[in-house]
Amino acid sequence: MKKVRDMKKIHLRDLKGYRASDGTYWGVDVQVPGYSSAIVVFHHPDGRTARKDRYATLNWPGTEASQVTVTLDRATVQALLTDAVIARLFNQSVLIGGGFPAFSPA
């Protein structure tokens, strides 16, 4: 069985990069592709927690979106992610963590 550390290295090779206007370099990943949309996750470079990560929904523009029995291929969705599309999605993205504390004070 592979160690989680090794699996993460393999996964990081699949990420695209995006530099935000504040200079932060985000890793861009496609997750949960469906038949008409996919979740695009922006991984914060801090890496200590996923609470700083962001996500946006990409609605698929192709004709495949009307075929509910077919799931979009992750690589196909990644190929659609040009710099302009990534910038638009980043501007529409929201925090995964929501900014709330992980635990309420006792």
N, C-alpha and C. Protein backbone atom coordinates (compact mmCIF):
# COMPACT_ATOMS: atom_id res chain seq x y z
N MET A 1 0.84 -1.17 0.00
CA MET A 1 0.00 0.00 0.00
C MET A 1 0.90 1.25 0.00
N LYS A 2 0.51 2.26 -0.78
CA LYS A 2 1.29 3.49 -0.85
C LYS A 2 1.02 4.36 0.37
N LYS A 3 2.04 5.04 0.78
CA LYS A 3 1.87 5.99 1.88
C LYS A 3 1.10 7.20 1.37
N VAL A 4 0.38 7.85 2.29
CA VAL A 4 -0.39 9.03 1.91
C VAL A 4 0.54 10.10 1.33
N ARG A 5 1.72 10.23 1.89
CA ARG A 5 2.68 11.22 1.42
C ARG A 5 3.01 10.99 -0.06
N ASP A 6 3.21 9.72 -0.47
CA ASP A 6 3.51 9.41 -1.86
C ASP A 6 2.33 9.71 -2.76
N MET A 7 1.11 9.41 -2.29
CA MET A 7 -0.09 9.67 -3.09
C MET A 7 -0.28 11.17 -3.28
N LYS A 8 0.06 11.96 -2.27
CA LYS A 8 -0.08 13.40 -2.39
C LYS A 8 0.89 13.95 -3.43
N LYS A 9 2.10 13.43 -3.49
CA LYS A 9 3.06 13.87 -4.49
C LYS A 9 2.55 13.60 -5.90
N ILE A 10 1.96 12.43 -6.11
CA ILE A 10 1.41 12.10 -7.42
C ILE A 10 0.29 13.06 -7.77
N HIS A 11 -0.57 13.34 -6.79
CA HIS A 11 -1.70 14.23 -7.01
C HIS A 11 -1.23 15.65 -7.32
N LEU A 12 -0.19 16.13 -6.67
CA LEU A 12 0.28 17.49 -6.88
C LEU A 12 0.78 17.73 -8.29
N ARG A 13 1.23 16.67 -8.97
CA ARG A 13 1.68 16.84 -10.35
C ARG A 13 0.52 17.18 -11.28
N ASP A 14 -0.71 16.83 -10.90
CA ASP A 14 -1.88 17.08 -11.73
C ASP A 14 -2.44 18.49 -11.57
N LEU A 15 -1.95 19.23 -10.60
CA LEU A 15 -2.49 20.56 -10.35
C LEU A 15 -1.99 21.58 -11.36
N LYS A 16 -2.88 22.49 -11.73
CA LYS A 16 -2.47 23.65 -12.51
C LYS A 16 -2.17 24.76 -11.51
N GLY A 17 -1.52 25.79 -11.94
CA GLY A 17 -1.18 26.88 -11.05
C GLY A 17 -1.93 28.15 -11.42
N TYR A 18 -2.17 28.98 -10.41
CA TYR A 18 -2.81 30.28 -10.64
C TYR A 18 -2.24 31.28 -9.65
N ARG A 19 -1.77 32.41 -10.15
CA ARG A 19 -1.26 33.47 -9.27
C ARG A 19 -2.33 34.54 -9.16
N ALA A 20 -2.81 34.75 -7.94
CA ALA A 20 -3.85 35.74 -7.68
C ALA A 20 -3.25 37.15 -7.71
N SER A 21 -4.12 38.13 -7.70
CA SER A 21 -3.67 39.52 -7.79
C SER A 21 -2.83 39.94 -6.58
N ASP A 22 -2.97 39.24 -5.45
CA ASP A 22 -2.17 39.56 -4.27
C ASP A 22 -0.82 38.84 -4.27
N GLY A 23 -0.55 38.06 -5.32
CA GLY A 23 0.72 37.36 -5.45
C GLY A 23 0.71 35.93 -4.93
N THR A 24 -0.38 35.49 -4.32
CA THR A 24 -0.48 34.12 -3.81
C THR A 24 -0.58 33.14 -4.96
N TYR A 25 0.21 32.09 -4.91
CA TYR A 25 0.20 31.07 -5.96
C TYR A 25 -0.65 29.88 -5.50
N TRP A 26 -1.79 29.67 -6.15
CA TRP A 26 -2.75 28.64 -5.78
C TRP A 26 -2.59 27.42 -6.69
N GLY A 27 -2.82 26.24 -6.14
CA GLY A 27 -2.90 25.02 -6.94
C GLY A 27 -4.34 24.81 -7.34
N VAL A 28 -4.60 24.54 -8.61
CA VAL A 28 -5.97 24.41 -9.12
C VAL A 28 -6.23 22.95 -9.46
N ASP A 29 -7.31 22.41 -8.91
CA ASP A 29 -7.64 20.99 -9.03
C ASP A 29 -9.10 20.84 -9.43
N VAL A 30 -9.40 19.81 -10.22
CA VAL A 30 -10.78 19.49 -10.60
C VAL A 30 -11.22 18.30 -9.76
N GLN A 31 -12.35 18.45 -9.07
CA GLN A 31 -12.88 17.37 -8.25
C GLN A 31 -14.36 17.18 -8.55
N VAL A 32 -14.85 16.02 -8.31
CA VAL A 32 -16.25 15.65 -8.42
C VAL A 32 -16.86 16.05 -9.77
N PRO A 33 -16.26 15.61 -10.87
CA PRO A 33 -16.90 15.92 -12.15
C PRO A 33 -18.20 15.13 -12.29
N GLY A 34 -19.25 15.82 -12.67
CA GLY A 34 -20.55 15.18 -12.89
C GLY A 34 -20.85 15.15 -14.37
N TYR A 35 -22.12 15.19 -14.72
CA TYR A 35 -22.47 15.19 -16.14
C TYR A 35 -22.55 16.60 -16.71
N SER A 36 -22.76 17.61 -15.84
CA SER A 36 -22.88 18.97 -16.37
C SER A 36 -22.03 19.99 -15.64
N SER A 37 -21.32 19.57 -14.60
CA SER A 37 -20.49 20.51 -13.86
C SER A 37 -19.39 19.78 -13.11
N ALA A 38 -18.45 20.56 -12.58
CA ALA A 38 -17.37 20.01 -11.77
C ALA A 38 -16.99 21.06 -10.72
N ILE A 39 -16.46 20.59 -9.62
CA ILE A 39 -15.97 21.48 -8.58
C ILE A 39 -14.50 21.77 -8.86
N VAL A 40 -14.14 23.04 -8.90
CA VAL A 40 -12.75 23.45 -9.08
C VAL A 40 -12.27 23.96 -7.72
N VAL A 41 -11.23 23.30 -7.19
CA VAL A 41 -10.71 23.65 -5.87
C VAL A 41 -9.39 24.40 -6.05
N PHE A 42 -9.28 25.50 -5.31
CA PHE A 42 -8.05 26.29 -5.29
C PHE A 42 -7.36 25.99 -3.96
N HIS A 43 -6.23 25.27 -4.02
CA HIS A 43 -5.51 24.88 -2.82
C HIS A 43 -4.55 25.99 -2.41
N HIS A 44 -4.68 26.47 -1.17
CA HIS A 44 -3.81 27.52 -0.65
C HIS A 44 -2.40 26.96 -0.47
N PRO A 45 -1.37 27.75 -0.75
CA PRO A 45 0.00 27.23 -0.66
C PRO A 45 0.46 26.93 0.76
N ASP A 46 -0.26 27.41 1.77
CA ASP A 46 0.11 27.15 3.15
C ASP A 46 0.19 25.65 3.41
N GLY A 47 -0.82 24.91 2.97
CA GLY A 47 -0.80 23.45 3.04
C GLY A 47 -1.03 22.86 4.41
N ARG A 48 -1.03 23.66 5.47
CA ARG A 48 -1.22 23.11 6.81
C ARG A 48 -2.67 22.76 7.07
N THR A 49 -3.59 23.44 6.40
CA THR A 49 -5.00 23.21 6.62
C THR A 49 -5.77 23.47 5.33
N ALA A 50 -6.88 22.80 5.17
CA ALA A 50 -7.72 23.03 3.99
C ALA A 50 -8.69 24.18 4.21
N ARG A 51 -8.68 24.78 5.40
CA ARG A 51 -9.63 25.85 5.71
C ARG A 51 -9.37 27.11 4.89
N LYS A 52 -8.19 27.25 4.33
CA LYS A 52 -7.88 28.41 3.49
C LYS A 52 -8.14 28.14 2.01
N ASP A 53 -8.45 26.89 1.67
CA ASP A 53 -8.74 26.54 0.29
C ASP A 53 -10.07 27.16 -0.14
N ARG A 54 -10.22 27.31 -1.44
CA ARG A 54 -11.44 27.90 -2.00
C ARG A 54 -12.00 26.95 -3.05
N TYR A 55 -13.27 27.12 -3.40
CA TYR A 55 -13.86 26.30 -4.45
C TYR A 55 -14.86 27.10 -5.26
N ALA A 56 -15.07 26.66 -6.50
CA ALA A 56 -16.07 27.25 -7.38
C ALA A 56 -16.63 26.13 -8.25
N THR A 57 -17.81 26.34 -8.77
CA THR A 57 -18.45 25.35 -9.65
C THR A 57 -18.27 25.78 -11.09
N LEU A 58 -17.79 24.84 -11.89
CA LEU A 58 -17.64 25.08 -13.33
C LEU A 58 -18.79 24.36 -14.04
N ASN A 59 -19.64 25.12 -14.72
CA ASN A 59 -20.72 24.52 -15.52
C ASN A 59 -20.17 24.18 -16.89
N TRP A 60 -20.32 22.95 -17.29
CA TRP A 60 -19.76 22.46 -18.54
C TRP A 60 -20.48 23.07 -19.73
N PRO A 61 -19.74 23.68 -20.68
CA PRO A 61 -20.37 24.34 -21.82
C PRO A 61 -20.68 23.41 -22.99
N GLY A 62 -20.19 22.19 -22.97
CA GLY A 62 -20.32 21.30 -24.12
C GLY A 62 -21.68 20.62 -24.20
N THR A 63 -21.89 19.93 -25.31
CA THR A 63 -23.16 19.23 -25.53
C THR A 63 -23.30 18.01 -24.63
N GLU A 64 -22.19 17.55 -24.04
CA GLU A 64 -22.24 16.40 -23.15
C GLU A 64 -23.07 16.68 -21.90
N ALA A 65 -23.28 17.95 -21.59
CA ALA A 65 -24.01 18.33 -20.38
C ALA A 65 -25.46 17.85 -20.40
N SER A 66 -26.00 17.56 -21.57
CA SER A 66 -27.38 17.09 -21.65
C SER A 66 -27.49 15.57 -21.56
N GLN A 67 -26.36 14.88 -21.53
CA GLN A 67 -26.36 13.42 -21.43
C GLN A 67 -26.10 13.02 -19.98
N VAL A 68 -27.18 12.75 -19.25
CA VAL A 68 -27.04 12.52 -17.81
C VAL A 68 -26.41 11.17 -17.48
N THR A 69 -26.24 10.31 -18.45
CA THR A 69 -25.63 9.00 -18.17
C THR A 69 -24.11 9.02 -18.34
N VAL A 70 -23.57 10.15 -18.80
CA VAL A 70 -22.13 10.25 -19.04
C VAL A 70 -21.52 11.21 -18.01
N THR A 71 -20.43 10.79 -17.39
CA THR A 71 -19.71 11.65 -16.45
C THR A 71 -18.53 12.30 -17.17
N LEU A 72 -18.33 13.57 -16.89
CA LEU A 72 -17.21 14.28 -17.50
C LEU A 72 -15.89 13.69 -17.04
N ASP A 73 -14.93 13.68 -17.94
CA ASP A 73 -13.59 13.20 -17.62
C ASP A 73 -12.81 14.33 -16.97
N ARG A 74 -12.12 14.01 -15.89
CA ARG A 74 -11.35 15.02 -15.14
C ARG A 74 -10.31 15.71 -16.04
N ALA A 75 -9.62 14.95 -16.86
CA ALA A 75 -8.59 15.51 -17.74
C ALA A 75 -9.21 16.45 -18.78
N THR A 76 -10.39 16.13 -19.26
CA THR A 76 -11.08 16.98 -20.23
C THR A 76 -11.46 18.31 -19.60
N VAL A 77 -11.94 18.26 -18.36
CA VAL A 77 -12.31 19.49 -17.67
C VAL A 77 -11.05 20.32 -17.40
N GLN A 78 -9.96 19.68 -17.00
CA GLN A 78 -8.72 20.41 -16.75
C GLN A 78 -8.21 21.09 -18.01
N ALA A 79 -8.40 20.45 -19.16
CA ALA A 79 -7.95 21.04 -20.42
C ALA A 79 -8.72 22.32 -20.75
N LEU A 80 -9.96 22.41 -20.27
CA LEU A 80 -10.78 23.61 -20.50
C LEU A 80 -10.32 24.79 -19.64
N LEU A 81 -9.57 24.52 -18.59
CA LEU A 81 -9.18 25.57 -17.65
C LEU A 81 -8.03 26.42 -18.18
N THR A 82 -8.39 27.40 -18.96
CA THR A 82 -7.40 28.37 -19.44
C THR A 82 -7.16 29.39 -18.32
N ASP A 83 -6.19 30.25 -18.51
CA ASP A 83 -5.90 31.27 -17.50
C ASP A 83 -7.11 32.18 -17.26
N ALA A 84 -7.82 32.51 -18.33
CA ALA A 84 -9.00 33.38 -18.20
C ALA A 84 -10.12 32.69 -17.43
N VAL A 85 -10.35 31.41 -17.71
CA VAL A 85 -11.40 30.65 -17.02
C VAL A 85 -11.04 30.50 -15.55
N ILE A 86 -9.77 30.19 -15.27
CA ILE A 86 -9.34 30.04 -13.88
C ILE A 86 -9.49 31.36 -13.12
N ALA A 87 -9.13 32.48 -13.74
CA ALA A 87 -9.28 33.79 -13.09
C ALA A 87 -10.74 34.09 -12.79
N ARG A 88 -11.63 33.80 -13.73
CA ARG A 88 -13.07 34.03 -13.51
C ARG A 88 -13.58 33.16 -12.38
N LEU A 89 -13.19 31.89 -12.37
CA LEU A 89 -13.64 30.99 -11.30
C LEU A 89 -13.09 31.40 -9.95
N PHE A 90 -11.84 31.86 -9.91
CA PHE A 90 -11.26 32.30 -8.64
C PHE A 90 -12.03 33.49 -8.08
N ASN A 91 -12.43 34.41 -8.96
CA ASN A 91 -13.20 35.58 -8.51
C ASN A 91 -14.58 35.18 -7.99
N GLN A 92 -15.11 34.04 -8.44
CA GLN A 92 -16.41 33.55 -7.98
C GLN A 92 -16.29 32.58 -6.81
N SER A 93 -15.08 32.22 -6.44
CA SER A 93 -14.89 31.16 -5.45
C SER A 93 -15.19 31.64 -4.03
N VAL A 94 -15.46 30.65 -3.16
CA VAL A 94 -15.72 30.92 -1.75
C VAL A 94 -14.82 30.02 -0.91
N LEU A 95 -14.59 30.42 0.33
CA LEU A 95 -13.77 29.64 1.23
C LEU A 95 -14.42 28.29 1.54
N ILE A 96 -13.63 27.25 1.56
CA ILE A 96 -14.15 25.94 1.97
C ILE A 96 -14.42 25.95 3.46
N GLY A 97 -13.53 26.54 4.23
CA GLY A 97 -13.67 26.56 5.68
C GLY A 97 -14.73 27.53 6.18
N GLY A 98 -15.11 28.48 5.39
CA GLY A 98 -16.14 29.43 5.79
C GLY A 98 -15.68 30.47 6.78
N GLY A 99 -14.43 30.38 7.26
CA GLY A 99 -13.93 31.38 8.18
C GLY A 99 -14.37 31.20 9.61
N PHE A 100 -15.15 30.16 9.91
CA PHE A 100 -15.61 29.93 11.26
C PHE A 100 -14.59 29.08 12.01
N PRO A 101 -14.51 29.21 13.34
CA PRO A 101 -13.58 28.37 14.09
C PRO A 101 -13.97 26.90 13.97
N ALA A 102 -12.95 26.04 13.98
CA ALA A 102 -13.21 24.61 13.86
C ALA A 102 -14.00 24.08 15.05
N PHE A 103 -13.75 24.63 16.24
CA PHE A 103 -14.44 24.21 17.44
C PHE A 103 -14.96 25.43 18.18
N SER A 104 -16.13 25.31 18.74
CA SER A 104 -16.65 26.44 19.50
C SER A 104 -16.00 26.46 20.89
N PRO A 105 -15.74 27.63 21.42
CA PRO A 105 -15.11 27.71 22.75
C PRO A 105 -16.02 27.12 23.81
N ALA A 106 -15.44 26.47 24.78
CA ALA A 106 -16.22 25.83 25.84
C ALA A 106 -16.67 26.83 26.87
